Structures are given as C-alpha cells and as structure tokens.
Amino acid sequence: MSDPTTKATAPTPDPARWRALALLCLAGFMVILDAQIVILALPTIAEDLGVTDGHEEWVMAAYLLSFGGLMLLGGRTADLLGRRRVFVAGSLLFLLSSLLCGLSWSLGVLVAARVAQGMSAAVFAPTALSILMNTFEEGPERNRALAF
C-alpha cells in the first residue's frame, strides 16, 4: 500500500495564462491594425499635412521597413533581456509613437514617428509569440492558444 503523501502531483497550470493570451492577442491585433488603418487614412493624412508631391507613401513604407527589418533583432533582444521586460518596453514605445503620429504637424515628423512605431512593433510582436510559446504546454493547449 502506498502512502498518499508521497505521490508526486503535477503542478497545475496558472489560470491567469488565458488572460495573458488575451493581452498577447491584443498586441498582435494592434500591429496588424496599425498597418492597415494607415492605408485607409493616407489620402486624408496627405490632405491634412499638405503633401502634394506624392511622398505620402513614405508614411506606410517607414513602418513596414522598420518593422520587417528589425523583427529578428527584436526577438533576440527579448531572449537576452527578458521577454516580459522587452514586451512592456515595446508596448510603451508603441503607445508613445502612436501618440506622436496622431499629433504630427508635418510629414517628416509623421514618418519619424512611423519608424518608431515599426521599431516598437518589431520588438513586441516576436516577443509576444515567444511568451505565448513558453506560457502554454506543448500539445492541445498550445494549439488552442495559437488558434486564437
């Protein structure tokens, strides 16, 4: 007969991980939304800032080039400095750069703010995926989390 006090019990997963998943999904949504909303608003942005020489495409290109070019570096930074810390820093930078985009008074300021947005998205997008992969156990639970 075995002693019930010597049974090894598997640790129960933290139920807060599903709230973390919601936050990580929101981060991914913001990256996609930010890229898409500018496409719709570009004519209005060009009109409001008085851009008449066709340089308004730099608003979109600044974000996409900095985002795509720095994504590997953002993921490696999270590995070296800590996923949670880098995710929070990237999110704060994204918030501040989004505010600067909304307050931009010239095309140059808007393009610089879009570069900062792309850089911050390149930091927190791969970090969010890394957090998700390390939060959920491999198997059906992780598959369910990735499906969101």
C-alpha atoms as a PDB file:
ATOM      1  CA  MET A   1       0.000   0.000   0.000  1.00  0.00           C
ATOM      2  CA  SER A   2       1.433   3.365  -0.949  1.00  0.00           C
ATOM      3  CA  ASP A   3       1.490   6.420   1.240  1.00  0.00           C
ATOM      4  CA  PRO A   4      -0.744   9.215  -0.236  1.00  0.00           C
ATOM      5  CA  THR A   5       1.662  11.896   0.985  1.00  0.00           C
ATOM      6  CA  THR A   6       4.461  10.601  -1.239  1.00  0.00           C
ATOM      7  CA  LYS A   7       2.538  10.872  -4.501  1.00  0.00           C
ATOM      8  CA  ALA A   8       4.056  13.291  -6.935  1.00  0.00           C
ATOM      9  CA  THR A   9       1.454  15.650  -8.241  1.00  0.00           C
ATOM     10  CA  ALA A  10       1.857  17.573 -11.443  1.00  0.00           C
ATOM     11  CA  PRO A  11       1.860  21.326 -10.962  1.00  0.00           C
ATOM     12  CA  THR A  12      -1.400  22.905 -12.022  1.00  0.00           C
ATOM     13  CA  PRO A  13      -1.047  25.496 -14.741  1.00  0.00           C
ATOM     14  CA  ASP A  14      -1.695  29.086 -13.807  1.00  0.00           C
ATOM     15  CA  PRO A  15      -5.252  30.088 -14.844  1.00  0.00           C
ATOM     16  CA  ALA A  16      -4.026  33.644 -15.480  1.00  0.00           C
ATOM     17  CA  ARG A  17      -2.268  32.427 -18.612  1.00  0.00           C
ATOM     18  CA  TRP A  18      -5.541  32.799 -20.522  1.00  0.00           C
ATOM     19  CA  ARG A  19      -5.670  36.479 -19.555  1.00  0.00           C
ATOM     20  CA  ALA A  20      -2.097  36.754 -20.764  1.00  0.00           C
ATOM     21  CA  LEU A  21      -3.215  35.195 -24.040  1.00  0.00           C
ATOM     22  CA  ALA A  22      -5.859  37.900 -24.413  1.00  0.00           C
ATOM     23  CA  LEU A  23      -3.187  40.577 -23.926  1.00  0.00           C
ATOM     24  CA  LEU A  24      -0.872  38.890 -26.422  1.00  0.00           C
ATOM     25  CA  CYS A  25      -3.683  38.644 -28.975  1.00  0.00           C
ATOM     26  CA  LEU A  26      -4.418  42.328 -28.472  1.00  0.00           C
ATOM     27  CA  ALA A  27      -0.764  43.129 -29.171  1.00  0.00           C
ATOM     28  CA  GLY A  28      -0.863  41.176 -32.419  1.00  0.00           C
ATOM     29  CA  PHE A  29      -4.106  42.856 -33.378  1.00  0.00           C
ATOM     30  CA  MET A  30      -2.574  46.298 -32.804  1.00  0.00           C
ATOM     31  CA  VAL A  31       0.368  45.529 -35.104  1.00  0.00           C
ATOM     32  CA  ILE A  32      -1.962  44.452 -37.912  1.00  0.00           C
ATOM     33  CA  LEU A  33      -4.480  47.217 -37.297  1.00  0.00           C
ATOM     34  CA  ASP A  34      -1.797  49.885 -37.320  1.00  0.00           C
ATOM     35  CA  ALA A  35      -0.512  48.788 -40.703  1.00  0.00           C
ATOM     36  CA  GLN A  36      -3.994  48.570 -42.222  1.00  0.00           C
ATOM     37  CA  ILE A  37      -5.594  51.705 -40.831  1.00  0.00           C
ATOM     38  CA  VAL A  38      -2.982  53.953 -42.400  1.00  0.00           C
ATOM     39  CA  ILE A  39      -3.843  52.586 -45.841  1.00  0.00           C
ATOM     40  CA  LEU A  40      -7.380  53.867 -45.423  1.00  0.00           C
ATOM     41  CA  ALA A  41      -6.371  57.163 -43.873  1.00  0.00           C
ATOM     42  CA  LEU A  42      -3.477  58.000 -46.212  1.00  0.00           C
ATOM     43  CA  PRO A  43      -5.442  60.345 -48.537  1.00  0.00           C
ATOM     44  CA  THR A  44      -6.790  62.296 -45.563  1.00  0.00           C
ATOM     45  CA  ILE A  45      -3.362  62.400 -43.918  1.00  0.00           C
ATOM     46  CA  ALA A  46      -1.783  63.771 -47.098  1.00  0.00           C
ATOM     47  CA  GLU A  47      -4.501  66.401 -47.400  1.00  0.00           C
ATOM     48  CA  ASP A  48      -4.268  67.489 -43.748  1.00  0.00           C
ATOM     49  CA  LEU A  49      -0.466  67.765 -43.826  1.00  0.00           C
ATOM     50  CA  GLY A  50      -0.457  69.479 -47.202  1.00  0.00           C
ATOM     51  CA  VAL A  51       1.552  66.795 -49.007  1.00  0.00           C
ATOM     52  CA  THR A  52       1.174  67.392 -52.730  1.00  0.00           C
ATOM     53  CA  ASP A  53       4.329  65.909 -54.225  1.00  0.00           C
ATOM     54  CA  GLY A  54       3.457  62.223 -53.804  1.00  0.00           C
ATOM     55  CA  HIS A  55       5.667  61.493 -50.794  1.00  0.00           C
ATOM     56  CA  GLU A  56       2.819  60.222 -48.651  1.00  0.00           C
ATOM     57  CA  GLU A  57       3.765  56.606 -49.448  1.00  0.00           C
ATOM     58  CA  TRP A  58       6.694  57.062 -47.033  1.00  0.00           C
ATOM     59  CA  VAL A  59       4.195  57.024 -44.166  1.00  0.00           C
ATOM     60  CA  MET A  60       3.450  53.384 -44.937  1.00  0.00           C
ATOM     61  CA  ALA A  61       6.955  52.432 -46.055  1.00  0.00           C
ATOM     62  CA  ALA A  62       8.596  53.823 -42.900  1.00  0.00           C
ATOM     63  CA  TYR A  63       6.538  51.498 -40.712  1.00  0.00           C
ATOM     64  CA  LEU A  64       6.897  48.402 -42.866  1.00  0.00           C
ATOM     65  CA  LEU A  65      10.632  48.783 -43.469  1.00  0.00           C
ATOM     66  CA  SER A  66      11.484  49.314 -39.814  1.00  0.00           C
ATOM     67  CA  PHE A  67       9.115  46.556 -38.686  1.00  0.00           C
ATOM     68  CA  GLY A  68      10.332  43.958 -41.157  1.00  0.00           C
ATOM     69  CA  GLY A  69      13.983  44.916 -40.878  1.00  0.00           C
ATOM     70  CA  LEU A  70      14.208  44.801 -37.089  1.00  0.00           C
ATOM     71  CA  MET A  71      11.974  41.854 -36.197  1.00  0.00           C
ATOM     72  CA  LEU A  72      14.851  39.382 -35.768  1.00  0.00           C
ATOM     73  CA  LEU A  73      16.724  41.866 -33.618  1.00  0.00           C
ATOM     74  CA  GLY A  74      13.597  42.407 -31.506  1.00  0.00           C
ATOM     75  CA  GLY A  75      13.247  38.694 -30.856  1.00  0.00           C
ATOM     76  CA  ARG A  76      16.901  38.335 -29.943  1.00  0.00           C
ATOM     77  CA  THR A  77      16.676  41.321 -27.616  1.00  0.00           C
ATOM     78  CA  ALA A  78      13.823  39.596 -25.796  1.00  0.00           C
ATOM     79  CA  ASP A  79      15.962  36.475 -25.421  1.00  0.00           C
ATOM     80  CA  LEU A  80      18.828  38.457 -23.923  1.00  0.00           C
ATOM     81  CA  LEU A  81      16.995  40.965 -21.721  1.00  0.00           C
ATOM     82  CA  GLY A  82      13.884  39.047 -20.731  1.00  0.00           C
ATOM     83  CA  ARG A  83      10.632  38.564 -22.578  1.00  0.00           C
ATOM     84  CA  ARG A  84       8.341  40.374 -20.162  1.00  0.00           C
ATOM     85  CA  ARG A  85      10.594  43.414 -19.796  1.00  0.00           C
ATOM     86  CA  VAL A  86      11.058  43.772 -23.564  1.00  0.00           C
ATOM     87  CA  PHE A  87       7.334  43.264 -24.227  1.00  0.00           C
ATOM     88  CA  VAL A  88       6.409  46.031 -21.794  1.00  0.00           C
ATOM     89  CA  ALA A  89       9.090  48.369 -23.172  1.00  0.00           C
ATOM     90  CA  GLY A  90       7.979  47.716 -26.753  1.00  0.00           C
ATOM     91  CA  SER A  91       4.348  48.296 -25.832  1.00  0.00           C
ATOM     92  CA  LEU A  92       5.141  51.599 -24.132  1.00  0.00           C
ATOM     93  CA  LEU A  93       7.229  52.755 -27.089  1.00  0.00           C
ATOM     94  CA  PHE A  94       4.391  51.755 -29.416  1.00  0.00           C
ATOM     95  CA  LEU A  95       1.945  53.786 -27.337  1.00  0.00           C
ATOM     96  CA  LEU A  96       4.175  56.866 -27.313  1.00  0.00           C
ATOM     97  CA  SER A  97       4.982  56.662 -31.016  1.00  0.00           C
ATOM     98  CA  SER A  98       1.269  56.240 -31.815  1.00  0.00           C
ATOM     99  CA  LEU A  99       0.551  59.376 -29.811  1.00  0.00           C
ATOM    100  CA  LEU A 100       3.249  61.231 -31.730  1.00  0.00           C
ATOM    101  CA  CYS A 101       1.752  60.011 -35.002  1.00  0.00           C
ATOM    102  CA  GLY A 102      -1.603  61.436 -34.005  1.00  0.00           C
ATOM    103  CA  LEU A 103      -0.049  64.775 -33.042  1.00  0.00           C
ATOM    104  CA  SER A 104       2.234  65.061 -36.094  1.00  0.00           C
ATOM    105  CA  TRP A 105       2.407  68.526 -37.605  1.00  0.00           C
ATOM    106  CA  SER A 106       4.471  67.674 -40.687  1.00  0.00           C
ATOM    107  CA  LEU A 107       5.225  64.758 -42.967  1.00  0.00           C
ATOM    108  CA  GLY A 108       8.763  64.450 -41.588  1.00  0.00           C
ATOM    109  CA  VAL A 109       7.532  64.114 -38.015  1.00  0.00           C
ATOM    110  CA  LEU A 110       4.919  61.587 -39.086  1.00  0.00           C
ATOM    111  CA  VAL A 111       7.468  59.468 -40.965  1.00  0.00           C
ATOM    112  CA  ALA A 112       9.858  59.547 -37.986  1.00  0.00           C
ATOM    113  CA  ALA A 113       7.027  58.529 -35.656  1.00  0.00           C
ATOM    114  CA  ARG A 114       6.074  55.709 -38.030  1.00  0.00           C
ATOM    115  CA  VAL A 115       9.677  54.460 -37.946  1.00  0.00           C
ATOM    116  CA  ALA A 116       9.472  54.418 -34.142  1.00  0.00           C
ATOM    117  CA  GLN A 117       6.170  52.558 -34.367  1.00  0.00           C
ATOM    118  CA  GLY A 118       7.700  49.971 -36.668  1.00  0.00           C
ATOM    119  CA  MET A 119      10.675  49.551 -34.349  1.00  0.00           C
ATOM    120  CA  SER A 120       8.443  49.042 -31.324  1.00  0.00           C
ATOM    121  CA  ALA A 121       6.220  46.600 -33.210  1.00  0.00           C
ATOM    122  CA  ALA A 122       9.352  44.701 -34.242  1.00  0.00           C
ATOM    123  CA  VAL A 123      10.220  44.406 -30.569  1.00  0.00           C
ATOM    124  CA  PHE A 124       6.902  43.365 -29.087  1.00  0.00           C
ATOM    125  CA  ALA A 125       5.430  41.198 -31.885  1.00  0.00           C
ATOM    126  CA  PRO A 126       8.046  38.412 -31.769  1.00  0.00           C
ATOM    127  CA  THR A 127       8.259  38.780 -28.007  1.00  0.00           C
ATOM    128  CA  ALA A 128       4.509  38.184 -27.712  1.00  0.00           C
ATOM    129  CA  LEU A 129       4.811  34.980 -29.725  1.00  0.00           C
ATOM    130  CA  SER A 130       7.731  33.854 -27.602  1.00  0.00           C
ATOM    131  CA  ILE A 131       5.782  34.494 -24.398  1.00  0.00           C
ATOM    132  CA  LEU A 132       2.857  32.541 -25.794  1.00  0.00           C
ATOM    133  CA  MET A 133       5.075  29.572 -26.720  1.00  0.00           C
ATOM    134  CA  ASN A 134       6.614  29.494 -23.247  1.00  0.00           C
ATOM    135  CA  THR A 135       3.362  30.013 -21.352  1.00  0.00           C
ATOM    136  CA  PHE A 136       1.420  27.084 -22.772  1.00  0.00           C
ATOM    137  CA  GLU A 137       2.457  23.441 -22.652  1.00  0.00           C
ATOM    138  CA  GLU A 138       3.164  21.754 -25.955  1.00  0.00           C
ATOM    139  CA  GLY A 139       0.142  19.864 -27.207  1.00  0.00           C
ATOM    140  CA  PRO A 140      -3.548  20.611 -27.440  1.00  0.00           C
ATOM    141  CA  GLU A 141      -3.413  23.565 -25.036  1.00  0.00           C
ATOM    142  CA  ARG A 142      -0.728  25.387 -27.043  1.00  0.00           C
ATOM    143  CA  ASN A 143      -2.526  24.559 -30.289  1.00  0.00           C
ATOM    144  CA  ARG A 144      -5.699  26.066 -28.881  1.00  0.00           C
ATOM    145  CA  ALA A 145      -3.802  29.192 -27.778  1.00  0.00           C
ATOM    146  CA  LEU A 146      -2.151  29.574 -31.195  1.00  0.00           C
ATOM    147  CA  ALA A 147      -5.527  29.220 -32.897  1.00  0.00           C
ATOM    148  CA  PHE A 148      -6.687  32.422 -31.243  1.00  0.00           C
END
